[in-house]
PDB file of N, CA and C in Angstrom:
ATOM      1  N   MET A   1     -11.685 -23.692  -9.936  1.00  0.00           N
ATOM      2  CA  MET A   1     -11.253 -22.754  -8.909  1.00  0.00           C
ATOM      3  C   MET A   1     -11.078 -21.368  -9.529  1.00  0.00           C
ATOM      4  N   SER A   2     -11.604 -20.356  -8.884  1.00  0.00           N
ATOM      5  CA  SER A   2     -11.489 -19.011  -9.437  1.00  0.00           C
ATOM      6  C   SER A   2     -10.121 -18.405  -9.127  1.00  0.00           C
ATOM      7  N   GLN A   3      -9.761 -17.496  -9.953  1.00  0.00           N
ATOM      8  CA  GLN A   3      -8.473 -16.831  -9.844  1.00  0.00           C
ATOM      9  C   GLN A   3      -8.519 -15.745  -8.764  1.00  0.00           C
ATOM     10  N   PRO A   4      -7.393 -15.489  -8.074  1.00  0.00           N
ATOM     11  CA  PRO A   4      -7.375 -14.399  -7.093  1.00  0.00           C
ATOM     12  C   PRO A   4      -7.742 -13.062  -7.742  1.00  0.00           C
ATOM     13  N   PHE A   5      -8.348 -12.198  -6.960  1.00  0.00           N
ATOM     14  CA  PHE A   5      -8.807 -10.886  -7.416  1.00  0.00           C
ATOM     15  C   PHE A   5      -8.080  -9.837  -6.598  1.00  0.00           C
ATOM     16  N   LEU A   6      -7.375  -8.927  -7.270  1.00  0.00           N
ATOM     17  CA  LEU A   6      -6.532  -7.950  -6.590  1.00  0.00           C
ATOM     18  C   LEU A   6      -6.874  -6.542  -7.042  1.00  0.00           C
ATOM     19  N   VAL A   7      -7.207  -5.681  -6.095  1.00  0.00           N
ATOM     20  CA  VAL A   7      -7.370  -4.255  -6.376  1.00  0.00           C
ATOM     21  C   VAL A   7      -6.094  -3.592  -5.882  1.00  0.00           C
ATOM     22  N   ARG A   8      -5.303  -3.124  -6.824  1.00  0.00           N
ATOM     23  CA  ARG A   8      -4.034  -2.495  -6.449  1.00  0.00           C
ATOM     24  C   ARG A   8      -4.259  -1.249  -5.589  1.00  0.00           C
ATOM     25  N   ARG A   9      -3.244  -0.940  -4.784  1.00  0.00           N
ATOM     26  CA  ARG A   9      -3.326   0.226  -3.904  1.00  0.00           C
ATOM     27  C   ARG A   9      -3.598   1.510  -4.676  1.00  0.00           C
ATOM     28  N   ALA A  10      -2.960   1.658  -5.835  1.00  0.00           N
ATOM     29  CA  ALA A  10      -3.157   2.869  -6.646  1.00  0.00           C
ATOM     30  C   ALA A  10      -4.608   2.980  -7.107  1.00  0.00           C
ATOM     31  N   ALA A  11      -5.227   1.866  -7.468  1.00  0.00           N
ATOM     32  CA  ALA A  11      -6.631   1.877  -7.896  1.00  0.00           C
ATOM     33  C   ALA A  11      -7.539   2.210  -6.710  1.00  0.00           C
ATOM     34  N   ARG A  12      -7.242   1.666  -5.548  1.00  0.00           N
ATOM     35  CA  ARG A  12      -8.034   1.976  -4.352  1.00  0.00           C
ATOM     36  C   ARG A  12      -7.891   3.458  -4.018  1.00  0.00           C
ATOM     37  N   ARG A  13      -6.688   4.007  -4.201  1.00  0.00           N
ATOM     38  CA  ARG A  13      -6.460   5.432  -3.969  1.00  0.00           C
ATOM     39  C   ARG A  13      -7.269   6.273  -4.976  1.00  0.00           C
ATOM     40  N   ASP A  14      -7.316   5.816  -6.240  1.00  0.00           N
ATOM     41  CA  ASP A  14      -8.141   6.495  -7.245  1.00  0.00           C
ATOM     42  C   ASP A  14      -9.588   6.586  -6.762  1.00  0.00           C
ATOM     43  N   MET A  15     -10.098   5.488  -6.259  1.00  0.00           N
ATOM     44  CA  MET A  15     -11.478   5.437  -5.795  1.00  0.00           C
ATOM     45  C   MET A  15     -11.703   6.359  -4.596  1.00  0.00           C
ATOM     46  N   ASP A  16     -10.764   6.338  -3.658  1.00  0.00           N
ATOM     47  CA  ASP A  16     -10.892   7.182  -2.466  1.00  0.00           C
ATOM     48  C   ASP A  16     -10.865   8.665  -2.822  1.00  0.00           C
ATOM     49  N   GLU A  17      -9.973   9.047  -3.751  1.00  0.00           N
ATOM     50  CA  GLU A  17      -9.880  10.453  -4.152  1.00  0.00           C
ATOM     51  C   GLU A  17     -11.153  10.897  -4.859  1.00  0.00           C
ATOM     52  N   ALA A  18     -11.703  10.053  -5.709  1.00  0.00           N
ATOM     53  CA  ALA A  18     -12.951  10.391  -6.407  1.00  0.00           C
ATOM     54  C   ALA A  18     -14.104  10.497  -5.410  1.00  0.00           C
ATOM     55  N   ARG A  19     -14.166   9.564  -4.463  1.00  0.00           N
ATOM     56  CA  ARG A  19     -15.219   9.618  -3.434  1.00  0.00           C
ATOM     57  C   ARG A  19     -15.145  10.925  -2.661  1.00  0.00           C
ATOM     58  N   GLU A  20     -13.942  11.315  -2.252  1.00  0.00           N
ATOM     59  CA  GLU A  20     -13.773  12.564  -1.508  1.00  0.00           C
ATOM     60  C   GLU A  20     -14.225  13.761  -2.337  1.00  0.00           C
ATOM     61  N   TRP A  21     -13.846  13.790  -3.616  1.00  0.00           N
ATOM     62  CA  TRP A  21     -14.223  14.901  -4.485  1.00  0.00           C
ATOM     63  C   TRP A  21     -15.743  14.977  -4.607  1.00  0.00           C
ATOM     64  N   TYR A  22     -16.390  13.840  -4.866  1.00  0.00           N
ATOM     65  CA  TYR A  22     -17.840  13.838  -5.010  1.00  0.00           C
ATOM     66  C   TYR A  22     -18.528  14.256  -3.713  1.00  0.00           C
ATOM     67  N   ASP A  23     -18.006  13.839  -2.577  1.00  0.00           N
ATOM     68  CA  ASP A  23     -18.615  14.238  -1.303  1.00  0.00           C
ATOM     69  C   ASP A  23     -18.466  15.731  -1.043  1.00  0.00           C
ATOM     70  N   LEU A  24     -17.393  16.333  -1.547  1.00  0.00           N
ATOM     71  CA  LEU A  24     -17.246  17.785  -1.412  1.00  0.00           C
ATOM     72  C   LEU A  24     -18.278  18.513  -2.271  1.00  0.00           C
ATOM     73  N   GLN A  25     -18.678  17.907  -3.369  1.00  0.00           N
ATOM     74  CA  GLN A  25     -19.672  18.520  -4.246  1.00  0.00           C
ATOM     75  C   GLN A  25     -21.063  18.410  -3.636  1.00  0.00           C
ATOM     76  N   GLN A  26     -21.358  17.224  -3.091  1.00  0.00           N
ATOM     77  CA  GLN A  26     -22.662  16.983  -2.459  1.00  0.00           C
ATOM     78  C   GLN A  26     -22.544  15.769  -1.545  1.00  0.00           C
ATOM     79  N   ALA A  27     -22.925  15.936  -0.304  1.00  0.00           N
ATOM     80  CA  ALA A  27     -22.824  14.855   0.681  1.00  0.00           C
ATOM     81  C   ALA A  27     -23.567  13.613   0.188  1.00  0.00           C
ATOM     82  N   GLY A  28     -22.924  12.468   0.318  1.00  0.00           N
ATOM     83  CA  GLY A  28     -23.538  11.198  -0.036  1.00  0.00           C
ATOM     84  C   GLY A  28     -23.233  10.719  -1.443  1.00  0.00           C
ATOM     85  N   VAL A  29     -22.860  11.622  -2.340  1.00  0.00           N
ATOM     86  CA  VAL A  29     -22.596  11.223  -3.723  1.00  0.00           C
ATOM     87  C   VAL A  29     -21.316  10.388  -3.800  1.00  0.00           C
ATOM     88  N   GLY A  30     -20.373  10.648  -2.923  1.00  0.00           N
ATOM     89  CA  GLY A  30     -19.151   9.849  -2.894  1.00  0.00           C
ATOM     90  C   GLY A  30     -19.438   8.382  -2.621  1.00  0.00           C
ATOM     91  N   GLN A  31     -20.356   8.120  -1.713  1.00  0.00           N
ATOM     92  CA  GLN A  31     -20.739   6.736  -1.417  1.00  0.00           C
ATOM     93  C   GLN A  31     -21.453   6.115  -2.604  1.00  0.00           C
ATOM     94  N   GLU A  32     -22.259   6.903  -3.302  1.00  0.00           N
ATOM     95  CA  GLU A  32     -22.922   6.399  -4.510  1.00  0.00           C
ATOM     96  C   GLU A  32     -21.890   6.016  -5.557  1.00  0.00           C
ATOM     97  N   PHE A  33     -20.846   6.831  -5.687  1.00  0.00           N
ATOM     98  CA  PHE A  33     -19.759   6.504  -6.613  1.00  0.00           C
ATOM     99  C   PHE A  33     -19.108   5.175  -6.226  1.00  0.00           C
ATOM    100  N   LEU A  34     -18.798   5.034  -4.941  1.00  0.00           N
ATOM    101  CA  LEU A  34     -18.177   3.784  -4.481  1.00  0.00           C
ATOM    102  C   LEU A  34     -19.084   2.589  -4.723  1.00  0.00           C
ATOM    103  N   ASP A  35     -20.376   2.741  -4.476  1.00  0.00           N
ATOM    104  CA  ASP A  35     -21.326   1.648  -4.696  1.00  0.00           C
ATOM    105  C   ASP A  35     -21.336   1.225  -6.166  1.00  0.00           C
ATOM    106  N   GLU A  36     -21.379   2.198  -7.074  1.00  0.00           N
ATOM    107  CA  GLU A  36     -21.381   1.882  -8.506  1.00  0.00           C
ATOM    108  C   GLU A  36     -20.059   1.231  -8.928  1.00  0.00           C
ATOM    109  N   THR A  37     -18.967   1.715  -8.373  1.00  0.00           N
ATOM    110  CA  THR A  37     -17.657   1.148  -8.699  1.00  0.00           C
ATOM    111  C   THR A  37     -17.547  -0.277  -8.163  1.00  0.00           C
ATOM    112  N   GLU A  38     -18.027  -0.508  -6.954  1.00  0.00           N
ATOM    113  CA  GLU A  38     -18.002  -1.858  -6.386  1.00  0.00           C
ATOM    114  C   GLU A  38     -18.862  -2.822  -7.203  1.00  0.00           C
ATOM    115  N   THR A  39     -19.954  -2.323  -7.774  1.00  0.00           N
ATOM    116  CA  THR A  39     -20.784  -3.157  -8.647  1.00  0.00           C
ATOM    117  C   THR A  39     -19.971  -3.626  -9.849  1.00  0.00           C
ATOM    118  N   VAL A  40     -19.190  -2.719 -10.435  1.00  0.00           N
ATOM    119  CA  VAL A  40     -18.340  -3.081 -11.576  1.00  0.00           C
ATOM    120  C   VAL A  40     -17.275  -4.083 -11.135  1.00  0.00           C
ATOM    121  N   LEU A  41     -16.657  -3.846  -9.987  1.00  0.00           N
ATOM    122  CA  LEU A  41     -15.625  -4.762  -9.491  1.00  0.00           C
ATOM    123  C   LEU A  41     -16.192  -6.160  -9.262  1.00  0.00           C
ATOM    124  N   THR A  42     -17.392  -6.237  -8.715  1.00  0.00           N
ATOM    125  CA  THR A  42     -18.043  -7.527  -8.488  1.00  0.00           C
ATOM    126  C   THR A  42     -18.316  -8.233  -9.806  1.00  0.00           C
ATOM    127  N   ARG A  43     -18.761  -7.460 -10.798  1.00  0.00           N
ATOM    128  CA  ARG A  43     -19.029  -8.029 -12.125  1.00  0.00           C
ATOM    129  C   ARG A  43     -17.736  -8.571 -12.743  1.00  0.00           C
ATOM    130  N   ILE A  44     -16.652  -7.818 -12.620  1.00  0.00           N
ATOM    131  CA  ILE A  44     -15.358  -8.258 -13.152  1.00  0.00           C
ATOM    132  C   ILE A  44     -14.890  -9.512 -12.418  1.00  0.00           C
ATOM    133  N   GLN A  45     -15.010  -9.517 -11.110  1.00  0.00           N
ATOM    134  CA  GLN A  45     -14.580 -10.669 -10.326  1.00  0.00           C
ATOM    135  C   GLN A  45     -15.361 -11.918 -10.722  1.00  0.00           C
ATOM    136  N   GLY A  46     -16.647 -11.771 -10.961  1.00  0.00           N
ATOM    137  CA  GLY A  46     -17.487 -12.904 -11.335  1.00  0.00           C
ATOM    138  C   GLY A  46     -17.223 -13.427 -12.740  1.00  0.00           C
ATOM    139  N   ASN A  47     -16.821 -12.531 -13.641  1.00  0.00           N
ATOM    140  CA  ASN A  47     -16.570 -12.918 -15.030  1.00  0.00           C
ATOM    141  C   ASN A  47     -15.498 -12.004 -15.612  1.00  0.00           C
ATOM    142  N   PRO A  48     -14.220 -12.269 -15.316  1.00  0.00           N
ATOM    143  CA  PRO A  48     -13.138 -11.383 -15.744  1.00  0.00           C
ATOM    144  C   PRO A  48     -13.067 -11.162 -17.258  1.00  0.00           C
ATOM    145  N   LYS A  49     -13.517 -12.117 -18.041  1.00  0.00           N
ATOM    146  CA  LYS A  49     -13.419 -11.993 -19.497  1.00  0.00           C
ATOM    147  C   LYS A  49     -14.645 -11.323 -20.118  1.00  0.00           C
ATOM    148  N   LEU A  50     -15.507 -10.760 -19.288  1.00  0.00           N
ATOM    149  CA  LEU A  50     -16.720 -10.103 -19.766  1.00  0.00           C
ATOM    150  C   LEU A  50     -16.401  -8.943 -20.708  1.00  0.00           C
ATOM    151  N   TYR A  51     -15.337  -8.216 -20.424  1.00  0.00           N
ATOM    152  CA  TYR A  51     -14.951  -7.060 -21.233  1.00  0.00           C
ATOM    153  C   TYR A  51     -13.787  -7.444 -22.144  1.00  0.00           C
ATOM    154  N   ALA A  52     -13.800  -6.908 -23.345  1.00  0.00           N
ATOM    155  CA  ALA A  52     -12.798  -7.261 -24.358  1.00  0.00           C
ATOM    156  C   ALA A  52     -11.400  -6.796 -23.967  1.00  0.00           C
ATOM    157  N   ALA A  53     -10.428  -7.607 -24.332  1.00  0.00           N
ATOM    158  CA  ALA A  53      -9.029  -7.265 -24.093  1.00  0.00           C
ATOM    159  C   ALA A  53      -8.540  -6.337 -25.199  1.00  0.00           C
ATOM    160  N   GLY A  54      -7.835  -5.299 -24.812  1.00  0.00           N
ATOM    161  CA  GLY A  54      -7.245  -4.362 -25.759  1.00  0.00           C
ATOM    162  C   GLY A  54      -5.746  -4.568 -25.805  1.00  0.00           C
ATOM    163  N   ARG A  55      -5.039  -3.505 -26.093  1.00  0.00           N
ATOM    164  CA  ARG A  55      -3.581  -3.576 -26.136  1.00  0.00           C
ATOM    165  C   ARG A  55      -3.021  -4.059 -24.808  1.00  0.00           C
ATOM    166  N   HIS A  56      -2.011  -4.872 -24.900  1.00  0.00           N
ATOM    167  CA  HIS A  56      -1.331  -5.402 -23.715  1.00  0.00           C
ATOM    168  C   HIS A  56      -2.265  -6.208 -22.811  1.00  0.00           C
ATOM    169  N   GLY A  57      -3.382  -6.672 -23.347  1.00  0.00           N
ATOM    170  CA  GLY A  57      -4.317  -7.473 -22.570  1.00  0.00           C
ATOM    171  C   GLY A  57      -5.125  -6.688 -21.561  1.00  0.00           C
ATOM    172  N   VAL A  58      -5.105  -5.373 -21.660  1.00  0.00           N
ATOM    173  CA  VAL A  58      -5.817  -4.515 -20.714  1.00  0.00           C
ATOM    174  C   VAL A  58      -7.285  -4.430 -21.106  1.00  0.00           C
ATOM    175  N   ARG A  59      -8.144  -4.495 -20.115  1.00  0.00           N
ATOM    176  CA  ARG A  59      -9.594  -4.434 -20.314  1.00  0.00           C
ATOM    177  C   ARG A  59     -10.149  -3.221 -19.582  1.00  0.00           C
ATOM    178  N   GLN A  60     -11.280  -2.710 -20.072  1.00  0.00           N
ATOM    179  CA  GLN A  60     -11.880  -1.524 -19.464  1.00  0.00           C
ATOM    180  C   GLN A  60     -13.377  -1.723 -19.276  1.00  0.00           C
ATOM    181  N   ALA A  61     -13.860  -1.304 -18.118  1.00  0.00           N
ATOM    182  CA  ALA A  61     -15.291  -1.390 -17.804  1.00  0.00           C
ATOM    183  C   ALA A  61     -15.759  -0.028 -17.308  1.00  0.00           C
ATOM    184  N   LEU A  62     -16.802   0.493 -17.923  1.00  0.00           N
ATOM    185  CA  LEU A  62     -17.337   1.793 -17.512  1.00  0.00           C
ATOM    186  C   LEU A  62     -18.133   1.671 -16.217  1.00  0.00           C
ATOM    187  N   VAL A  63     -18.033   2.715 -15.393  1.00  0.00           N
ATOM    188  CA  VAL A  63     -18.800   2.805 -14.151  1.00  0.00           C
ATOM    189  C   VAL A  63     -20.126   3.485 -14.481  1.00  0.00           C
ATOM    190  N   ASN A  64     -21.217   2.863 -14.101  1.00  0.00           N
ATOM    191  CA  ASN A  64     -22.549   3.412 -14.351  1.00  0.00           C
ATOM    192  C   ASN A  64     -22.737   4.735 -13.602  1.00  0.00           C
ATOM    193  N   ARG A  65     -23.360   5.728 -14.280  1.00  0.00           N
ATOM    194  CA  ARG A  65     -23.726   7.028 -13.695  1.00  0.00           C
ATOM    195  C   ARG A  65     -22.563   7.983 -13.464  1.00  0.00           C
ATOM    196  N   PHE A  66     -21.324   7.519 -13.579  1.00  0.00           N
ATOM    197  CA  PHE A  66     -20.168   8.366 -13.322  1.00  0.00           C
ATOM    198  C   PHE A  66     -19.187   8.232 -14.482  1.00  0.00           C
ATOM    199  N   PRO A  67     -18.491   9.314 -14.829  1.00  0.00           N
ATOM    200  CA  PRO A  67     -17.562   9.263 -15.964  1.00  0.00           C
ATOM    201  C   PRO A  67     -16.211   8.646 -15.587  1.00  0.00           C
ATOM    202  N   PHE A  68     -16.261   7.404 -15.142  1.00  0.00           N
ATOM    203  CA  PHE A  68     -15.054   6.690 -14.732  1.00  0.00           C
ATOM    204  C   PHE A  68     -14.996   5.339 -15.418  1.00  0.00           C
ATOM    205  N   VAL A  69     -13.781   4.845 -15.568  1.00  0.00           N
ATOM    206  CA  VAL A  69     -13.552   3.541 -16.168  1.00  0.00           C
ATOM    207  C   VAL A  69     -12.637   2.741 -15.236  1.00  0.00           C
ATOM    208  N   VAL A  70     -12.964   1.460 -15.082  1.00  0.00           N
ATOM    209  CA  VAL A  70     -12.117   0.543 -14.309  1.00  0.00           C
ATOM    210  C   VAL A  70     -11.197  -0.149 -15.316  1.00  0.00           C
ATOM    211  N   ILE A  71      -9.915  -0.018 -15.101  1.00  0.00           N
ATOM    212  CA  ILE A  71      -8.920  -0.599 -15.997  1.00  0.00           C
ATOM    213  C   ILE A  71      -8.297  -1.793 -15.288  1.00  0.00           C
ATOM    214  N   TYR A  72      -8.312  -2.939 -15.971  1.00  0.00           N
ATOM    215  CA  TYR A  72      -7.795  -4.152 -15.339  1.00  0.00           C
ATOM    216  C   TYR A  72      -7.178  -5.085 -16.364  1.00  0.00           C
ATOM    217  N   ARG A  73      -6.482  -6.081 -15.831  1.00  0.00           N
ATOM    218  CA  ARG A  73      -5.914  -7.107 -16.705  1.00  0.00           C
ATOM    219  C   ARG A  73      -5.969  -8.449 -15.995  1.00  0.00           C
ATOM    220  N   ILE A  74      -5.946  -9.482 -16.810  1.00  0.00           N
ATOM    221  CA  ILE A  74      -5.944 -10.844 -16.297  1.00  0.00           C
ATOM    222  C   ILE A  74      -4.548 -11.395 -16.535  1.00  0.00           C
ATOM    223  N   THR A  75      -3.883 -11.780 -15.459  1.00  0.00           N
ATOM    224  CA  THR A  75      -2.554 -12.393 -15.572  1.00  0.00           C
ATOM    225  C   THR A  75      -2.674 -13.865 -15.187  1.00  0.00           C
ATOM    226  N   THR A  76      -1.584 -14.575 -15.264  1.00  0.00           N
ATOM    227  CA  THR A  76      -1.616 -15.980 -14.853  1.00  0.00           C
ATOM    228  C   THR A  76      -1.827 -16.100 -13.343  1.00  0.00           C
ATOM    229  N   ALA A  77      -1.487 -15.061 -12.595  1.00  0.00           N
ATOM    230  CA  ALA A  77      -1.582 -15.116 -11.140  1.00  0.00           C
ATOM    231  C   ALA A  77      -2.902 -14.573 -10.583  1.00  0.00           C
ATOM    232  N   ALA A  78      -3.482 -13.562 -11.254  1.00  0.00           N
ATOM    233  CA  ALA A  78      -4.660 -12.905 -10.677  1.00  0.00           C
ATOM    234  C   ALA A  78      -5.358 -12.023 -11.704  1.00  0.00           C
ATOM    235  N   THR A  79      -6.560 -11.610 -11.350  1.00  0.00           N
ATOM    236  CA  THR A  79      -7.234 -10.528 -12.054  1.00  0.00           C
ATOM    237  C   THR A  79      -6.876  -9.274 -11.271  1.00  0.00           C
ATOM    238  N   GLU A  80      -6.207  -8.323 -11.920  1.00  0.00           N
ATOM    239  CA  GLU A  80      -5.690  -7.137 -11.241  1.00  0.00           C
ATOM    240  C   GLU A  80      -6.415  -5.875 -11.702  1.00  0.00           C
ATOM    241  N   ILE A  81      -6.959  -5.146 -10.751  1.00  0.00           N
ATOM    242  CA  ILE A  81      -7.518  -3.836 -11.038  1.00  0.00           C
ATOM    243  C   ILE A  81      -6.347  -2.861 -10.984  1.00  0.00           C
ATOM    244  N   VAL A  82      -6.046  -2.249 -12.117  1.00  0.00           N
ATOM    245  CA  VAL A  82      -4.872  -1.380 -12.248  1.00  0.00           C
ATOM    246  C   VAL A  82      -5.208   0.067 -11.894  1.00  0.00           C
ATOM    247  N   ALA A  83      -6.377   0.546 -12.343  1.00  0.00           N
ATOM    248  CA  ALA A  83      -6.739   1.944 -12.129  1.00  0.00           C
ATOM    249  C   ALA A  83      -8.248   2.116 -12.203  1.00  0.00           C
ATOM    250  N   VAL A  84      -8.723   3.185 -11.576  1.00  0.00           N
ATOM    251  CA  VAL A  84     -10.108   3.641 -11.704  1.00  0.00           C
ATOM    252  C   VAL A  84      -9.975   5.115 -12.057  1.00  0.00           C
ATOM    253  N   MET A  85     -10.149   5.418 -13.355  1.00  0.00           N
ATOM    254  CA  MET A  85      -9.808   6.751 -13.830  1.00  0.00           C
ATOM    255  C   MET A  85     -10.984   7.478 -14.465  1.00  0.00           C
ATOM    256  N   HIS A  86     -10.964   8.788 -14.328  1.00  0.00           N
ATOM    257  CA  HIS A  86     -11.953   9.644 -14.982  1.00  0.00           C
ATOM    258  C   HIS A  86     -11.740   9.534 -16.485  1.00  0.00           C
ATOM    259  N   THR A  87     -12.813   9.487 -17.234  1.00  0.00           N
ATOM    260  CA  THR A  87     -12.718   9.280 -18.678  1.00  0.00           C
ATOM    261  C   THR A  87     -12.115  10.468 -19.417  1.00  0.00           C
ATOM    262  N   SER A  88     -12.005  11.619 -18.788  1.00  0.00           N
ATOM    263  CA  SER A  88     -11.389  12.766 -19.450  1.00  0.00           C
ATOM    264  C   SER A  88      -9.868  12.755 -19.352  1.00  0.00           C
ATOM    265  N   ARG A  89      -9.328  11.878 -18.530  1.00  0.00           N
ATOM    266  CA  ARG A  89      -7.869  11.786 -18.400  1.00  0.00           C
ATOM    267  C   ARG A  89      -7.282  11.156 -19.640  1.00  0.00           C
ATOM    268  N   HIS A  90      -6.025  11.435 -19.884  1.00  0.00           N
ATOM    269  CA  HIS A  90      -5.355  10.866 -21.050  1.00  0.00           C
ATOM    270  C   HIS A  90      -5.386   9.347 -20.943  1.00  0.00           C
ATOM    271  N   PRO A  91      -5.723   8.664 -22.034  1.00  0.00           N
ATOM    272  CA  PRO A  91      -5.867   7.209 -21.976  1.00  0.00           C
ATOM    273  C   PRO A  91      -4.602   6.459 -21.546  1.00  0.00           C
ATOM    274  N   ARG A  92      -3.469   7.075 -21.663  1.00  0.00           N
ATOM    275  CA  ARG A  92      -2.216   6.401 -21.275  1.00  0.00           C
ATOM    276  C   ARG A  92      -1.761   6.742 -19.863  1.00  0.00           C
ATOM    277  N   ALA A  93      -2.524   7.521 -19.134  1.00  0.00           N
ATOM    278  CA  ALA A  93      -2.105   7.976 -17.804  1.00  0.00           C
ATOM    279  C   ALA A  93      -1.846   6.811 -16.844  1.00  0.00           C
ATOM    280  N   TRP A  94      -2.486   5.692 -17.045  1.00  0.00           N
ATOM    281  CA  TRP A  94      -2.359   4.551 -16.146  1.00  0.00           C
ATOM    282  C   TRP A  94      -1.244   3.600 -16.572  1.00  0.00           C
ATOM    283  N   ARG A  95      -0.669   3.777 -17.743  1.00  0.00           N
ATOM    284  CA  ARG A  95       0.290   2.811 -18.292  1.00  0.00           C
ATOM    285  C   ARG A  95       1.483   2.540 -17.379  1.00  0.00           C
ATOM    286  N   SER A  96       1.926   3.533 -16.663  1.00  0.00           N
ATOM    287  CA  SER A  96       3.090   3.333 -15.786  1.00  0.00           C
ATOM    288  C   SER A  96       2.766   2.347 -14.662  1.00  0.00           C
ATOM    289  N   ARG A  97       1.512   2.019 -14.469  1.00  0.00           N
ATOM    290  CA  ARG A  97       1.099   1.090 -13.406  1.00  0.00           C
ATOM    291  C   ARG A  97       1.205  -0.377 -13.815  1.00  0.00           C
ATOM    292  N   LEU A  98       1.430  -0.632 -15.100  1.00  0.00           N
ATOM    293  CA  LEU A  98       1.503  -2.046 -15.550  1.00  0.00           C
ATOM    294  C   LEU A  98       2.781  -2.697 -15.110  1.00  0.00           C
TER     295      LEU A  98
END
């Protein structure tokens, strides 16, 4: 039986804000960002251990074509998407979400 998969509200908000920003730059690019991000989420859901665990068991997966990383962890209860952050942000910016 597979483990529950949870995209936290803060991570969904990260995605929505990035989509809006990209659409302001050029119509349709925001949807392309979401499509690429959803591809990563699907990959994580299918194989949560695909990406190596770092400190505190946190894992990171890069989004293709966009400078974003999906930050997640595997707990006993679920695979949780913690953040979807631009790679130029400070690496600890998401820590308060754990």
